[in-house]
Every structure is written in structure tokens, then in C-alpha cells.
Amino acid sequence: MPLLKNGALIDDRWRRLADEDPLPGTDAVIVTLARWRADRALAGRGSPLGLALRNSEAVQPLAGEIQSFELVALEFPKFTDGRAYSQARLLRERLGFTGELRATGQVLPDQLLFMQRCGFDAFEIAKGAALEAWRKALASFSVFYQPTGDGRAPVNSLRRVIGSRP
């Protein structure tokens, strides 16, 4: 699948492994939570390691080990299931995850801005999707009412700053 990051389509250097797949040499790999739990030696392999989480898997138990990963891929199995939004906010805001946070599965332009506001910074998009539609989705709003972990100030704090100017 094409990967959208920073408003551009990029080559994906990560390889997703099934639980039974052998580990490739120094490739950047994404493993499931089950594989991570079964093989903690993965942390010491010296190559980029990513974690794929289903939206039914809790992120809080990963608090002490989340920094072992350069990437966390969160699943949107269908566009009406938003549990990965909550997982993303927990990872960014409570667990302090600073690596790549990737949205996978049913990722749609209509939801892209909300995903970004929750902390996602990379998106697996459908092959053949028009890049301009994705860029437009990211630019559809310039101010927000809700504070989130993406670093943008909500509109009420901007009003205070503007109102305090001479």
C-alpha cells in the first residue's frame, strides 16, 4: 500500500512480518504484539523494530516498553470503528511515544485530519488514491476547539493571545 507522510507519498522501508516468518537480517520490521510477547529478544536485534496493534489490544500495558519501537501501526478494520483514535492519543499523550504512528486498514480522506489530530503522522492509503484529495483533507481546517497531542493550540488559547495584544 502507498504510504502518505508529511503530505507526500514515500517509499515504505518497513516490512510487516507474520508471526511465523523468519527475521530478516537488518531490515526494518513490524511485528505483532503476540510475537513481541513471545520473543523479547527482538528488542536487542539492533535493527529498526515496529509494532502492529489491533484496535482491540490495550496500549497501557506497553507503558514501560513502548520506547523499544520506532513505529507503531494501529489498525482501522472498518471506517466506523474508531478505537485506534483512542489508542493513538494514549500512546502520544500518556505514554509519550515519539516514533512514527501509522494508520492502517480503512484509512479515508474524510478522517485523515482527525487521525492527524490524534497523533498519527503516517497513513497507509488505498492504491491509486488521488494525492490531492489527501492534501486537501489535511488543509480543510486551520483552527480547532479541542486540545490534542498534535501541538496545535486550540482556538480559545489563540483568542487570549490575540486579545492581549496592544
C-alpha atoms as a PDB file:
ATOM      1  CA  MET A   1       0.000   0.000   0.000  1.00  0.00           C
ATOM      2  CA  PRO A   2       1.177   3.545  -0.657  1.00  0.00           C
ATOM      3  CA  LEU A   3       2.373   5.441   2.404  1.00  0.00           C
ATOM      4  CA  LEU A   4       1.442   9.092   2.963  1.00  0.00           C
ATOM      5  CA  LYS A   5       3.728  11.042   5.289  1.00  0.00           C
ATOM      6  CA  ASN A   6       4.226  14.808   5.573  1.00  0.00           C
ATOM      7  CA  GLY A   7       1.810  15.356   2.678  1.00  0.00           C
ATOM      8  CA  ALA A   8       3.808  13.215   0.241  1.00  0.00           C
ATOM      9  CA  LEU A   9       3.808   9.623  -0.928  1.00  0.00           C
ATOM     10  CA  ILE A  10       7.005   7.945   0.242  1.00  0.00           C
ATOM     11  CA  ASP A  11       8.649   4.559  -0.098  1.00  0.00           C
ATOM     12  CA  ASP A  12       7.870   2.350   2.871  1.00  0.00           C
ATOM     13  CA  ARG A  13      11.081   0.962   4.353  1.00  0.00           C
ATOM     14  CA  TRP A  14       9.167  -1.213   6.829  1.00  0.00           C
ATOM     15  CA  ARG A  15       8.311  -4.858   6.242  1.00  0.00           C
ATOM     16  CA  ARG A  16       5.379  -6.399   8.099  1.00  0.00           C
ATOM     17  CA  LEU A  17       6.145  -9.902   9.378  1.00  0.00           C
ATOM     18  CA  ALA A  18       3.689 -12.685  10.095  1.00  0.00           C
ATOM     19  CA  ASP A  19       4.271 -14.423  13.424  1.00  0.00           C
ATOM     20  CA  GLU A  20       5.813 -17.454  11.721  1.00  0.00           C
ATOM     21  CA  ASP A  21       8.084 -15.509   9.315  1.00  0.00           C
ATOM     22  CA  PRO A  22      11.837 -15.678   9.964  1.00  0.00           C
ATOM     23  CA  LEU A  23      13.506 -12.428  10.963  1.00  0.00           C
ATOM     24  CA  PRO A  24      15.375 -10.819   8.078  1.00  0.00           C
ATOM     25  CA  GLY A  25      18.884  -9.510   8.744  1.00  0.00           C
ATOM     26  CA  THR A  26      18.847  -5.779   9.309  1.00  0.00           C
ATOM     27  CA  ASP A  27      15.553  -4.820   7.663  1.00  0.00           C
ATOM     28  CA  ALA A  28      13.095  -2.573   9.467  1.00  0.00           C
ATOM     29  CA  VAL A  29      10.309  -4.926  10.542  1.00  0.00           C
ATOM     30  CA  ILE A  30       6.855  -4.614  12.074  1.00  0.00           C
ATOM     31  CA  VAL A  31       5.807  -7.466  14.365  1.00  0.00           C
ATOM     32  CA  THR A  32       2.533  -8.266  16.086  1.00  0.00           C
ATOM     33  CA  LEU A  33       2.025  -7.867  19.810  1.00  0.00           C
ATOM     34  CA  ALA A  34       1.823 -11.664  20.117  1.00  0.00           C
ATOM     35  CA  ARG A  35       5.237 -12.060  18.507  1.00  0.00           C
ATOM     36  CA  TRP A  36       6.709  -9.319  20.688  1.00  0.00           C
ATOM     37  CA  ARG A  37       5.371 -11.015  23.821  1.00  0.00           C
ATOM     38  CA  ALA A  38       6.717 -14.410  22.695  1.00  0.00           C
ATOM     39  CA  ASP A  39      10.188 -13.195  21.647  1.00  0.00           C
ATOM     40  CA  ARG A  40      11.608 -10.381  23.763  1.00  0.00           C
ATOM     41  CA  ALA A  41      14.994 -10.903  22.091  1.00  0.00           C
ATOM     42  CA  LEU A  42      13.585  -8.768  19.282  1.00  0.00           C
ATOM     43  CA  ALA A  43      14.459  -5.693  21.335  1.00  0.00           C
ATOM     44  CA  GLY A  44      18.164  -6.468  21.149  1.00  0.00           C
ATOM     45  CA  ARG A  45      18.434  -7.240  17.453  1.00  0.00           C
ATOM     46  CA  GLY A  46      19.917  -3.831  16.633  1.00  0.00           C
ATOM     47  CA  SER A  47      17.611  -3.098  13.698  1.00  0.00           C
ATOM     48  CA  PRO A  48      14.518  -0.881  13.472  1.00  0.00           C
ATOM     49  CA  LEU A  49      11.543  -2.505  15.144  1.00  0.00           C
ATOM     50  CA  GLY A  50       7.882  -1.623  14.756  1.00  0.00           C
ATOM     51  CA  LEU A  51       4.769  -2.934  16.483  1.00  0.00           C
ATOM     52  CA  ALA A  52       1.397  -3.654  14.859  1.00  0.00           C
ATOM     53  CA  LEU A  53      -1.553  -3.392  17.227  1.00  0.00           C
ATOM     54  CA  ARG A  54      -5.112  -4.455  16.541  1.00  0.00           C
ATOM     55  CA  ASN A  55      -7.623  -1.923  17.785  1.00  0.00           C
ATOM     56  CA  SER A  56      -8.793  -4.438  20.391  1.00  0.00           C
ATOM     57  CA  GLU A  57      -5.352  -4.591  22.065  1.00  0.00           C
ATOM     58  CA  ALA A  58      -4.689  -2.373  25.064  1.00  0.00           C
ATOM     59  CA  VAL A  59      -1.797   0.075  24.869  1.00  0.00           C
ATOM     60  CA  GLN A  60      -1.457   0.878  28.595  1.00  0.00           C
ATOM     61  CA  PRO A  61       0.395  -2.389  29.398  1.00  0.00           C
ATOM     62  CA  LEU A  62       3.113  -1.257  26.950  1.00  0.00           C
ATOM     63  CA  ALA A  63       3.988   1.792  29.069  1.00  0.00           C
ATOM     64  CA  GLY A  64       7.410   0.531  30.140  1.00  0.00           C
ATOM     65  CA  GLU A  65       8.422  -0.794  26.756  1.00  0.00           C
ATOM     66  CA  ILE A  66       6.870   1.493  24.138  1.00  0.00           C
ATOM     67  CA  GLN A  67      10.164   3.279  23.506  1.00  0.00           C
ATOM     68  CA  SER A  68      11.561  -0.048  22.205  1.00  0.00           C
ATOM     69  CA  PHE A  69       9.702   0.683  18.969  1.00  0.00           C
ATOM     70  CA  GLU A  70      10.422   3.219  16.244  1.00  0.00           C
ATOM     71  CA  LEU A  71       6.959   2.732  14.778  1.00  0.00           C
ATOM     72  CA  VAL A  72       3.524   1.670  15.988  1.00  0.00           C
ATOM     73  CA  ALA A  73       0.946   0.722  13.358  1.00  0.00           C
ATOM     74  CA  LEU A  74      -2.669   0.968  14.530  1.00  0.00           C
ATOM     75  CA  GLU A  75      -5.470  -0.768  12.693  1.00  0.00           C
ATOM     76  CA  PHE A  76      -8.738   0.679  11.413  1.00  0.00           C
ATOM     77  CA  PRO A  77     -10.512  -2.568  10.363  1.00  0.00           C
ATOM     78  CA  LYS A  78     -13.544  -0.579   9.178  1.00  0.00           C
ATOM     79  CA  PHE A  79     -14.135   3.138   8.946  1.00  0.00           C
ATOM     80  CA  THR A  80     -16.891   3.062  11.589  1.00  0.00           C
ATOM     81  CA  ASP A  81     -14.564   1.627  14.250  1.00  0.00           C
ATOM     82  CA  GLY A  82     -12.646   4.421  15.930  1.00  0.00           C
ATOM     83  CA  ARG A  83     -10.851   2.635  18.760  1.00  0.00           C
ATOM     84  CA  ALA A  84      -7.477   3.334  17.127  1.00  0.00           C
ATOM     85  CA  TYR A  85      -8.079   7.070  17.674  1.00  0.00           C
ATOM     86  CA  SER A  86      -8.097   6.426  21.411  1.00  0.00           C
ATOM     87  CA  GLN A  87      -5.046   4.190  21.170  1.00  0.00           C
ATOM     88  CA  ALA A  88      -3.179   6.942  19.300  1.00  0.00           C
ATOM     89  CA  ARG A  89      -3.977   9.596  21.904  1.00  0.00           C
ATOM     90  CA  LEU A  90      -2.953   7.282  24.726  1.00  0.00           C
ATOM     91  CA  LEU A  91       0.332   6.481  23.003  1.00  0.00           C
ATOM     92  CA  ARG A  92       1.175  10.133  22.335  1.00  0.00           C
ATOM     93  CA  GLU A  93      -0.265  11.912  25.354  1.00  0.00           C
ATOM     94  CA  ARG A  94       0.048   9.431  28.223  1.00  0.00           C
ATOM     95  CA  LEU A  95       2.833   7.086  27.186  1.00  0.00           C
ATOM     96  CA  GLY A  96       4.954   9.726  25.460  1.00  0.00           C
ATOM     97  CA  PHE A  97       5.535   7.751  22.268  1.00  0.00           C
ATOM     98  CA  THR A  98       7.570   9.895  19.867  1.00  0.00           C
ATOM     99  CA  GLY A  99       8.134   7.480  16.965  1.00  0.00           C
ATOM    100  CA  GLU A 100       6.097   7.076  13.810  1.00  0.00           C
ATOM    101  CA  LEU A 101       2.427   6.405  14.444  1.00  0.00           C
ATOM    102  CA  ARG A 102       0.881   4.785  11.384  1.00  0.00           C
ATOM    103  CA  ALA A 103      -2.807   4.359  10.497  1.00  0.00           C
ATOM    104  CA  THR A 104      -3.538   1.152   8.584  1.00  0.00           C
ATOM    105  CA  GLY A 105      -6.654  -0.503   7.170  1.00  0.00           C
ATOM    106  CA  GLN A 106      -9.717   1.582   6.286  1.00  0.00           C
ATOM    107  CA  VAL A 107      -7.977   4.963   6.138  1.00  0.00           C
ATOM    108  CA  LEU A 108     -10.163   7.512   4.341  1.00  0.00           C
ATOM    109  CA  PRO A 109      -9.513  11.145   3.360  1.00  0.00           C
ATOM    110  CA  ASP A 110     -12.529  12.282   5.405  1.00  0.00           C
ATOM    111  CA  GLN A 111     -10.898  11.002   8.575  1.00  0.00           C
ATOM    112  CA  LEU A 112      -7.304  11.984   7.854  1.00  0.00           C
ATOM    113  CA  LEU A 113      -7.344  15.312   9.687  1.00  0.00           C
ATOM    114  CA  PHE A 114      -8.876  13.713  12.786  1.00  0.00           C
ATOM    115  CA  MET A 115      -6.275  10.958  12.678  1.00  0.00           C
ATOM    116  CA  GLN A 116      -3.519  13.542  12.489  1.00  0.00           C
ATOM    117  CA  ARG A 117      -5.010  15.467  15.425  1.00  0.00           C
ATOM    118  CA  CYS A 118      -4.856  12.266  17.487  1.00  0.00           C
ATOM    119  CA  GLY A 119      -1.155  11.841  16.748  1.00  0.00           C
ATOM    120  CA  PHE A 120      -0.916   9.825  13.542  1.00  0.00           C
ATOM    121  CA  ASP A 121       1.852  11.005  11.242  1.00  0.00           C
ATOM    122  CA  ALA A 122       1.828   8.276   8.560  1.00  0.00           C
ATOM    123  CA  PHE A 123      -1.079   6.741   6.673  1.00  0.00           C
ATOM    124  CA  GLU A 124      -1.363   3.637   4.521  1.00  0.00           C
ATOM    125  CA  ILE A 125      -3.739   4.711   1.783  1.00  0.00           C
ATOM    126  CA  ALA A 126      -5.517   2.844  -0.998  1.00  0.00           C
ATOM    127  CA  LYS A 127      -3.503   2.243  -4.114  1.00  0.00           C
ATOM    128  CA  GLY A 128      -4.406   4.694  -6.851  1.00  0.00           C
ATOM    129  CA  ALA A 129      -5.858   7.275  -4.450  1.00  0.00           C
ATOM    130  CA  ALA A 130      -5.511  10.870  -5.666  1.00  0.00           C
ATOM    131  CA  LEU A 131      -2.834  12.583  -3.609  1.00  0.00           C
ATOM    132  CA  GLU A 132      -4.521  15.959  -3.982  1.00  0.00           C
ATOM    133  CA  ALA A 133      -7.642  14.709  -2.149  1.00  0.00           C
ATOM    134  CA  TRP A 134      -5.469  13.664   0.790  1.00  0.00           C
ATOM    135  CA  ARG A 135      -3.633  17.001   0.898  1.00  0.00           C
ATOM    136  CA  LYS A 136      -6.950  18.852   0.735  1.00  0.00           C
ATOM    137  CA  ALA A 137      -8.259  16.805   3.662  1.00  0.00           C
ATOM    138  CA  LEU A 138      -5.298  17.897   5.799  1.00  0.00           C
ATOM    139  CA  ALA A 139      -5.833  21.561   4.949  1.00  0.00           C
ATOM    140  CA  SER A 140      -9.593  21.695   5.486  1.00  0.00           C
ATOM    141  CA  PHE A 141      -9.372  23.383   8.919  1.00  0.00           C
ATOM    142  CA  SER A 142      -6.787  25.800  10.268  1.00  0.00           C
ATOM    143  CA  VAL A 143      -8.001  26.162  13.876  1.00  0.00           C
ATOM    144  CA  PHE A 144      -9.555  23.732  16.338  1.00  0.00           C
ATOM    145  CA  TYR A 145     -11.620  23.844  19.503  1.00  0.00           C
ATOM    146  CA  GLN A 146     -10.267  20.659  21.077  1.00  0.00           C
ATOM    147  CA  PRO A 147      -6.765  20.414  22.521  1.00  0.00           C
ATOM    148  CA  THR A 148      -4.878  17.302  21.408  1.00  0.00           C
ATOM    149  CA  GLY A 149      -1.388  15.936  21.249  1.00  0.00           C
ATOM    150  CA  ASP A 150      -0.526  17.288  17.800  1.00  0.00           C
ATOM    151  CA  GLY A 151       0.912  20.512  19.217  1.00  0.00           C
ATOM    152  CA  ARG A 152      -1.615  22.932  17.737  1.00  0.00           C
ATOM    153  CA  ALA A 153      -3.154  25.392  20.164  1.00  0.00           C
ATOM    154  CA  PRO A 154      -6.956  25.343  20.383  1.00  0.00           C
ATOM    155  CA  VAL A 155      -8.812  28.451  19.234  1.00  0.00           C
ATOM    156  CA  ASN A 156      -9.670  29.612  22.775  1.00  0.00           C
ATOM    157  CA  SER A 157      -5.973  29.977  23.649  1.00  0.00           C
ATOM    158  CA  LEU A 158      -5.390  31.831  20.381  1.00  0.00           C
ATOM    159  CA  ARG A 159      -8.164  34.269  21.317  1.00  0.00           C
ATOM    160  CA  ARG A 160      -6.379  35.025  24.602  1.00  0.00           C
ATOM    161  CA  VAL A 161      -3.147  35.773  22.751  1.00  0.00           C
ATOM    162  CA  ILE A 162      -4.839  37.976  20.164  1.00  0.00           C
ATOM    163  CA  GLY A 163      -6.922  39.743  22.836  1.00  0.00           C
ATOM    164  CA  SER A 164      -3.837  40.582  24.906  1.00  0.00           C
ATOM    165  CA  ARG A 165      -2.091  42.464  22.086  1.00  0.00           C
ATOM    166  CA  PRO A 166      -1.920  46.267  22.405  1.00  0.00           C
END
